[in-house]
Amino acid sequence: MPAYKDKKTGKWYASFYFENWNNVREKKMKRGFETKKDALEWEREFLRQTNVDFDMKFESFVEIYISDIKQRVRENTFITKENIIRKKIVPFFKNKKMNAITAKDVIQWQNGLMIYRDENGKGYSPVYLKTIYDFC
């Protein structure tokens, strides 16, 4: 699908139609991209999110998951869950595609958490590691 250049601002925007979950055709537009490539990438990611295609990036899947889980858990649970996901999981898997994440990747992520040490040489406690793993 094409991207368009705004003559007034010199920035790019994406404008397209898609079918929502009710099979109703809607128009979607987002402005302010520096390059045509950025506009097209945003459009592809948006369409992947609406189709819930596992060819999407992990970060896009997290956004869908967080918006879905917010209504299903208590507020404090949600805050904890979102914090763990955004600070401990997303940085490692951020740009990987969902269907490309393997058991080996998960083991590497877990090993990275286990060997982590702060400036004082302290690592995460076993209880905290279990909490992180349980929220996944």
N, C-alpha and C. Protein backbone atom coordinates (compact mmCIF):
# COMPACT_ATOMS: atom_id res chain seq x y z
N MET A 1 0.85 -1.18 0.00
CA MET A 1 0.00 0.00 0.00
C MET A 1 0.89 1.24 0.00
N PRO A 2 0.40 2.29 -0.59
CA PRO A 2 1.26 3.47 -0.72
C PRO A 2 1.29 4.34 0.54
N ALA A 3 2.35 5.13 0.61
CA ALA A 3 2.47 6.18 1.62
C ALA A 3 2.48 7.49 0.87
N TYR A 4 2.09 8.55 1.52
CA TYR A 4 1.95 9.84 0.85
C TYR A 4 2.78 10.90 1.55
N LYS A 5 3.23 11.89 0.78
CA LYS A 5 4.00 12.98 1.36
C LYS A 5 3.10 14.20 1.50
N ASP A 6 3.07 14.76 2.70
CA ASP A 6 2.28 15.96 2.98
C ASP A 6 3.06 17.15 2.44
N LYS A 7 2.46 17.89 1.51
CA LYS A 7 3.16 19.01 0.87
C LYS A 7 3.40 20.17 1.82
N LYS A 8 2.55 20.34 2.81
CA LYS A 8 2.71 21.44 3.76
C LYS A 8 3.87 21.20 4.72
N THR A 9 3.92 20.01 5.30
CA THR A 9 4.92 19.74 6.34
C THR A 9 6.17 19.04 5.81
N GLY A 10 6.07 18.41 4.66
CA GLY A 10 7.20 17.66 4.12
C GLY A 10 7.37 16.29 4.74
N LYS A 11 6.42 15.91 5.60
CA LYS A 11 6.49 14.60 6.27
C LYS A 11 5.60 13.60 5.52
N TRP A 12 5.79 12.35 5.82
CA TRP A 12 5.04 11.26 5.19
C TRP A 12 3.89 10.82 6.07
N TYR A 13 2.86 10.26 5.45
CA TYR A 13 1.75 9.69 6.21
C TYR A 13 1.23 8.45 5.51
N ALA A 14 0.61 7.59 6.29
CA ALA A 14 0.00 6.37 5.79
C ALA A 14 -1.50 6.50 5.92
N SER A 15 -2.21 6.15 4.87
CA SER A 15 -3.67 6.20 4.86
C SER A 15 -4.17 4.98 4.11
N PHE A 16 -5.04 4.21 4.77
CA PHE A 16 -5.52 2.98 4.15
C PHE A 16 -6.82 2.54 4.80
N TYR A 17 -7.50 1.58 4.17
CA TYR A 17 -8.71 0.99 4.71
C TYR A 17 -8.41 -0.42 5.21
N PHE A 18 -9.11 -0.83 6.26
CA PHE A 18 -8.98 -2.17 6.79
C PHE A 18 -10.32 -2.61 7.34
N GLU A 19 -10.47 -3.92 7.55
CA GLU A 19 -11.69 -4.45 8.15
C GLU A 19 -11.44 -4.69 9.63
N ASN A 20 -12.31 -4.12 10.48
CA ASN A 20 -12.15 -4.31 11.93
C ASN A 20 -12.70 -5.68 12.33
N TRP A 21 -12.75 -5.94 13.64
CA TRP A 21 -13.19 -7.25 14.12
C TRP A 21 -14.65 -7.55 13.82
N ASN A 22 -15.45 -6.52 13.50
CA ASN A 22 -16.86 -6.70 13.11
C ASN A 22 -17.03 -6.82 11.61
N ASN A 23 -15.92 -6.93 10.88
CA ASN A 23 -15.91 -6.95 9.42
C ASN A 23 -16.49 -5.69 8.81
N VAL A 24 -16.30 -4.57 9.51
CA VAL A 24 -16.71 -3.26 9.00
C VAL A 24 -15.47 -2.57 8.47
N ARG A 25 -15.59 -2.01 7.29
CA ARG A 25 -14.45 -1.34 6.65
C ARG A 25 -14.24 0.03 7.30
N GLU A 26 -13.00 0.28 7.76
CA GLU A 26 -12.66 1.55 8.40
C GLU A 26 -11.43 2.14 7.73
N LYS A 27 -11.33 3.47 7.82
CA LYS A 27 -10.15 4.15 7.29
C LYS A 27 -9.21 4.46 8.45
N LYS A 28 -7.92 4.25 8.22
CA LYS A 28 -6.90 4.52 9.23
C LYS A 28 -5.85 5.44 8.61
N MET A 29 -5.43 6.45 9.38
CA MET A 29 -4.41 7.37 8.90
C MET A 29 -3.52 7.78 10.06
N LYS A 30 -2.22 7.86 9.77
CA LYS A 30 -1.27 8.37 10.75
C LYS A 30 -0.26 9.23 10.02
N ARG A 31 0.00 10.40 10.59
CA ARG A 31 0.88 11.38 9.96
C ARG A 31 2.17 11.57 10.75
N GLY A 32 3.12 12.25 10.11
CA GLY A 32 4.31 12.71 10.81
C GLY A 32 5.52 11.81 10.70
N PHE A 33 5.59 10.94 9.73
CA PHE A 33 6.75 10.07 9.56
C PHE A 33 7.84 10.80 8.80
N GLU A 34 9.09 10.58 9.20
CA GLU A 34 10.22 11.24 8.54
C GLU A 34 10.48 10.67 7.16
N THR A 35 10.28 9.35 7.01
CA THR A 35 10.55 8.71 5.72
C THR A 35 9.34 7.89 5.27
N LYS A 36 9.32 7.62 3.97
CA LYS A 36 8.28 6.78 3.41
C LYS A 36 8.36 5.37 4.00
N LYS A 37 9.58 4.90 4.20
CA LYS A 37 9.80 3.56 4.76
C LYS A 37 9.17 3.44 6.14
N ASP A 38 9.31 4.47 6.98
CA ASP A 38 8.71 4.45 8.32
C ASP A 38 7.19 4.37 8.25
N ALA A 39 6.59 5.12 7.34
CA ALA A 39 5.14 5.11 7.18
C ALA A 39 4.65 3.73 6.74
N LEU A 40 5.34 3.13 5.79
CA LEU A 40 4.95 1.81 5.31
C LEU A 40 5.15 0.74 6.38
N GLU A 41 6.22 0.85 7.16
CA GLU A 41 6.47 -0.09 8.24
C GLU A 41 5.37 0.00 9.30
N TRP A 42 4.96 1.23 9.65
CA TRP A 42 3.88 1.40 10.62
C TRP A 42 2.59 0.76 10.10
N GLU A 43 2.31 0.96 8.83
CA GLU A 43 1.10 0.39 8.23
C GLU A 43 1.13 -1.14 8.28
N ARG A 44 2.27 -1.73 7.92
CA ARG A 44 2.40 -3.19 7.98
C ARG A 44 2.19 -3.72 9.40
N GLU A 45 2.80 -3.06 10.39
CA GLU A 45 2.65 -3.48 11.77
C GLU A 45 1.20 -3.34 12.25
N PHE A 46 0.54 -2.25 11.86
CA PHE A 46 -0.86 -2.06 12.24
C PHE A 46 -1.73 -3.19 11.67
N LEU A 47 -1.52 -3.50 10.40
CA LEU A 47 -2.32 -4.56 9.78
C LEU A 47 -2.02 -5.92 10.41
N ARG A 48 -0.77 -6.16 10.78
CA ARG A 48 -0.44 -7.42 11.47
C ARG A 48 -1.15 -7.49 12.82
N GLN A 49 -1.22 -6.37 13.52
CA GLN A 49 -1.88 -6.36 14.82
C GLN A 49 -3.38 -6.62 14.68
N THR A 50 -4.00 -6.05 13.69
CA THR A 50 -5.43 -6.26 13.52
C THR A 50 -5.73 -7.68 13.06
N ASN A 51 -4.79 -8.31 12.37
CA ASN A 51 -4.98 -9.69 11.93
C ASN A 51 -4.47 -10.70 12.95
N VAL A 52 -3.78 -10.24 13.98
CA VAL A 52 -3.13 -11.08 14.98
C VAL A 52 -2.35 -12.19 14.29
N ASP A 53 -1.44 -11.77 13.45
CA ASP A 53 -0.56 -12.64 12.70
C ASP A 53 0.72 -12.84 13.50
N PHE A 54 1.16 -14.06 13.68
CA PHE A 54 2.36 -14.30 14.47
C PHE A 54 3.63 -14.00 13.69
N ASP A 55 3.49 -13.36 12.55
CA ASP A 55 4.64 -12.86 11.81
C ASP A 55 4.99 -11.44 12.29
N MET A 56 4.25 -10.95 13.29
CA MET A 56 4.48 -9.60 13.81
C MET A 56 5.65 -9.59 14.78
N LYS A 57 6.18 -8.40 15.04
CA LYS A 57 7.25 -8.24 16.00
C LYS A 57 6.72 -8.46 17.41
N PHE A 58 7.59 -8.93 18.29
CA PHE A 58 7.21 -9.20 19.67
C PHE A 58 6.65 -7.96 20.35
N GLU A 59 7.27 -6.80 20.08
CA GLU A 59 6.84 -5.55 20.70
C GLU A 59 5.39 -5.22 20.32
N SER A 60 5.00 -5.49 19.08
CA SER A 60 3.62 -5.25 18.66
C SER A 60 2.66 -6.20 19.37
N PHE A 61 3.08 -7.45 19.52
CA PHE A 61 2.25 -8.41 20.23
C PHE A 61 2.04 -8.00 21.68
N VAL A 62 3.08 -7.46 22.31
CA VAL A 62 2.98 -7.02 23.70
C VAL A 62 1.94 -5.93 23.84
N GLU A 63 1.89 -5.00 22.89
CA GLU A 63 0.88 -3.94 22.95
C GLU A 63 -0.53 -4.52 22.91
N ILE A 64 -0.75 -5.50 22.06
CA ILE A 64 -2.06 -6.15 21.99
C ILE A 64 -2.35 -6.87 23.31
N TYR A 65 -1.37 -7.60 23.81
CA TYR A 65 -1.53 -8.36 25.04
C TYR A 65 -1.84 -7.45 26.22
N ILE A 66 -1.10 -6.36 26.34
CA ILE A 66 -1.30 -5.44 27.48
C ILE A 66 -2.67 -4.80 27.43
N SER A 67 -3.11 -4.38 26.26
CA SER A 67 -4.45 -3.77 26.17
C SER A 67 -5.54 -4.80 26.49
N ASP A 68 -5.30 -6.06 26.16
CA ASP A 68 -6.27 -7.10 26.43
C ASP A 68 -6.30 -7.48 27.91
N ILE A 69 -5.13 -7.62 28.51
CA ILE A 69 -5.05 -8.09 29.91
C ILE A 69 -5.50 -7.03 30.90
N LYS A 70 -5.44 -5.77 30.52
CA LYS A 70 -5.76 -4.67 31.44
C LYS A 70 -7.17 -4.80 32.02
N GLN A 71 -8.11 -5.27 31.25
CA GLN A 71 -9.49 -5.40 31.71
C GLN A 71 -9.73 -6.68 32.51
N ARG A 72 -8.74 -7.60 32.52
CA ARG A 72 -8.98 -8.90 33.13
C ARG A 72 -8.33 -9.13 34.47
N VAL A 73 -7.48 -8.21 34.90
CA VAL A 73 -6.79 -8.39 36.18
C VAL A 73 -6.96 -7.15 37.04
N ARG A 74 -6.68 -7.30 38.32
CA ARG A 74 -6.74 -6.15 39.22
C ARG A 74 -5.68 -5.13 38.84
N GLU A 75 -5.91 -3.88 39.26
CA GLU A 75 -5.03 -2.79 38.88
C GLU A 75 -3.58 -3.01 39.33
N ASN A 76 -3.37 -3.42 40.58
CA ASN A 76 -2.01 -3.64 41.07
C ASN A 76 -1.32 -4.78 40.33
N THR A 77 -2.06 -5.84 40.04
CA THR A 77 -1.50 -6.95 39.27
C THR A 77 -1.10 -6.48 37.89
N PHE A 78 -1.96 -5.66 37.28
CA PHE A 78 -1.66 -5.14 35.95
C PHE A 78 -0.40 -4.29 35.96
N ILE A 79 -0.26 -3.42 36.95
CA ILE A 79 0.92 -2.54 37.03
C ILE A 79 2.19 -3.38 37.16
N THR A 80 2.16 -4.39 38.02
CA THR A 80 3.31 -5.28 38.19
C THR A 80 3.62 -6.02 36.90
N LYS A 81 2.59 -6.58 36.30
CA LYS A 81 2.75 -7.36 35.08
C LYS A 81 3.31 -6.49 33.95
N GLU A 82 2.76 -5.31 33.78
CA GLU A 82 3.22 -4.41 32.71
C GLU A 82 4.68 -4.00 32.94
N ASN A 83 5.03 -3.71 34.19
CA ASN A 83 6.39 -3.32 34.51
C ASN A 83 7.38 -4.44 34.18
N ILE A 84 7.07 -5.64 34.59
CA ILE A 84 7.95 -6.78 34.31
C ILE A 84 8.07 -7.01 32.81
N ILE A 85 6.96 -6.96 32.11
CA ILE A 85 6.99 -7.19 30.66
C ILE A 85 7.84 -6.13 29.96
N ARG A 86 7.60 -4.86 30.28
CA ARG A 86 8.30 -3.78 29.58
C ARG A 86 9.78 -3.67 29.96
N LYS A 87 10.13 -4.00 31.20
CA LYS A 87 11.53 -3.82 31.63
C LYS A 87 12.38 -5.08 31.53
N LYS A 88 11.77 -6.25 31.62
CA LYS A 88 12.56 -7.48 31.66
C LYS A 88 12.42 -8.35 30.41
N ILE A 89 11.29 -8.27 29.71
CA ILE A 89 11.06 -9.16 28.58
C ILE A 89 11.23 -8.45 27.25
N VAL A 90 10.55 -7.31 27.09
CA VAL A 90 10.57 -6.60 25.81
C VAL A 90 11.98 -6.21 25.36
N PRO A 91 12.87 -5.72 26.23
CA PRO A 91 14.20 -5.35 25.73
C PRO A 91 14.94 -6.51 25.07
N PHE A 92 14.71 -7.73 25.51
CA PHE A 92 15.41 -8.88 24.93
C PHE A 92 14.78 -9.32 23.61
N PHE A 93 13.45 -9.38 23.54
CA PHE A 93 12.75 -9.94 22.38
C PHE A 93 12.19 -8.87 21.44
N LYS A 94 12.40 -7.62 21.73
CA LYS A 94 11.78 -6.47 21.08
C LYS A 94 11.58 -6.61 19.56
N ASN A 95 12.64 -6.81 18.82
CA ASN A 95 12.55 -6.80 17.35
C ASN A 95 12.42 -8.18 16.73
N LYS A 96 12.34 -9.22 17.55
CA LYS A 96 12.16 -10.56 17.01
C LYS A 96 10.70 -10.76 16.60
N LYS A 97 10.51 -11.52 15.57
CA LYS A 97 9.14 -11.86 15.17
C LYS A 97 8.65 -12.98 16.07
N MET A 98 7.36 -12.97 16.35
CA MET A 98 6.78 -13.95 17.26
C MET A 98 7.04 -15.38 16.81
N ASN A 99 6.89 -15.64 15.52
CA ASN A 99 7.07 -17.01 15.04
C ASN A 99 8.54 -17.40 14.92
N ALA A 100 9.47 -16.47 15.23
CA ALA A 100 10.90 -16.77 15.17
C ALA A 100 11.49 -16.99 16.56
N ILE A 101 10.71 -16.79 17.61
CA ILE A 101 11.21 -17.00 18.96
C ILE A 101 11.22 -18.49 19.27
N THR A 102 12.38 -18.98 19.66
CA THR A 102 12.55 -20.41 19.92
C THR A 102 12.79 -20.65 21.40
N ALA A 103 12.78 -21.92 21.78
CA ALA A 103 13.08 -22.29 23.17
C ALA A 103 14.50 -21.85 23.53
N LYS A 104 15.40 -21.91 22.58
CA LYS A 104 16.78 -21.48 22.81
C LYS A 104 16.82 -19.99 23.18
N ASP A 105 16.01 -19.17 22.51
CA ASP A 105 15.94 -17.73 22.81
C ASP A 105 15.45 -17.51 24.24
N VAL A 106 14.44 -18.26 24.64
CA VAL A 106 13.88 -18.11 25.98
C VAL A 106 14.91 -18.53 27.04
N ILE A 107 15.63 -19.60 26.77
CA ILE A 107 16.67 -20.05 27.71
C ILE A 107 17.77 -19.00 27.81
N GLN A 108 18.18 -18.40 26.69
CA GLN A 108 19.19 -17.34 26.73
C GLN A 108 18.70 -16.14 27.55
N TRP A 109 17.45 -15.79 27.39
CA TRP A 109 16.87 -14.68 28.16
C TRP A 109 16.89 -15.01 29.66
N GLN A 110 16.46 -16.22 30.00
CA GLN A 110 16.46 -16.64 31.40
C GLN A 110 17.88 -16.66 31.97
N ASN A 111 18.83 -17.16 31.20
CA ASN A 111 20.22 -17.19 31.66
C ASN A 111 20.75 -15.77 31.88
N GLY A 112 20.37 -14.85 31.01
CA GLY A 112 20.77 -13.46 31.17
C GLY A 112 20.24 -12.86 32.46
N LEU A 113 19.01 -13.21 32.83
CA LEU A 113 18.44 -12.73 34.10
C LEU A 113 19.15 -13.35 35.29
N MET A 114 19.53 -14.61 35.17
CA MET A 114 20.18 -15.29 36.30
C MET A 114 21.60 -14.79 36.54
N ILE A 115 22.31 -14.40 35.48
CA ILE A 115 23.69 -13.94 35.67
C ILE A 115 23.80 -12.43 35.86
N TYR A 116 22.68 -11.72 35.76
CA TYR A 116 22.70 -10.26 35.92
C TYR A 116 23.22 -9.87 37.31
N ARG A 117 24.06 -8.86 37.34
CA ARG A 117 24.56 -8.29 38.59
C ARG A 117 24.53 -6.77 38.47
N ASP A 118 24.08 -6.10 39.53
CA ASP A 118 24.07 -4.63 39.53
C ASP A 118 25.46 -4.11 39.91
N GLU A 119 25.57 -2.80 40.09
CA GLU A 119 26.88 -2.21 40.40
C GLU A 119 27.45 -2.69 41.74
N ASN A 120 26.61 -3.20 42.63
CA ASN A 120 27.06 -3.72 43.92
C ASN A 120 27.32 -5.23 43.88
N GLY A 121 27.14 -5.84 42.72
CA GLY A 121 27.37 -7.27 42.58
C GLY A 121 26.20 -8.14 42.98
N LYS A 122 25.04 -7.52 43.22
CA LYS A 122 23.86 -8.29 43.62
C LYS A 122 23.05 -8.67 42.38
N GLY A 123 22.57 -9.89 42.39
CA GLY A 123 21.71 -10.36 41.33
C GLY A 123 20.26 -10.38 41.78
N TYR A 124 19.40 -10.88 40.91
CA TYR A 124 17.99 -11.02 41.27
C TYR A 124 17.83 -12.22 42.21
N SER A 125 16.93 -12.09 43.17
CA SER A 125 16.68 -13.20 44.08
C SER A 125 15.89 -14.29 43.35
N PRO A 126 16.00 -15.53 43.82
CA PRO A 126 15.24 -16.61 43.20
C PRO A 126 13.72 -16.35 43.20
N VAL A 127 13.23 -15.71 44.26
CA VAL A 127 11.79 -15.40 44.34
C VAL A 127 11.40 -14.40 43.25
N TYR A 128 12.25 -13.38 43.04
CA TYR A 128 11.96 -12.38 42.02
C TYR A 128 12.03 -13.01 40.62
N LEU A 129 13.01 -13.87 40.40
CA LEU A 129 13.11 -14.57 39.11
C LEU A 129 11.86 -15.41 38.86
N LYS A 130 11.38 -16.09 39.91
CA LYS A 130 10.16 -16.89 39.77
C LYS A 130 8.97 -15.99 39.43
N THR A 131 8.92 -14.81 40.04
CA THR A 131 7.84 -13.86 39.75
C THR A 131 7.89 -13.45 38.28
N ILE A 132 9.07 -13.15 37.78
CA ILE A 132 9.22 -12.77 36.37
C ILE A 132 8.74 -13.90 35.47
N TYR A 133 9.20 -15.12 35.73
CA TYR A 133 8.82 -16.25 34.91
C TYR A 133 7.33 -16.54 34.98
N ASP A 134 6.72 -16.35 36.16
CA ASP A 134 5.29 -16.60 36.33
C ASP A 134 4.43 -15.60 35.57
N PHE A 135 4.91 -14.39 35.40
CA PHE A 135 4.14 -13.38 34.69
C PHE A 135 4.21 -13.52 33.19
N CYS A 136 5.07 -14.38 32.71
CA CYS A 136 5.21 -14.55 31.25
C CYS A 136 4.11 -15.39 30.68
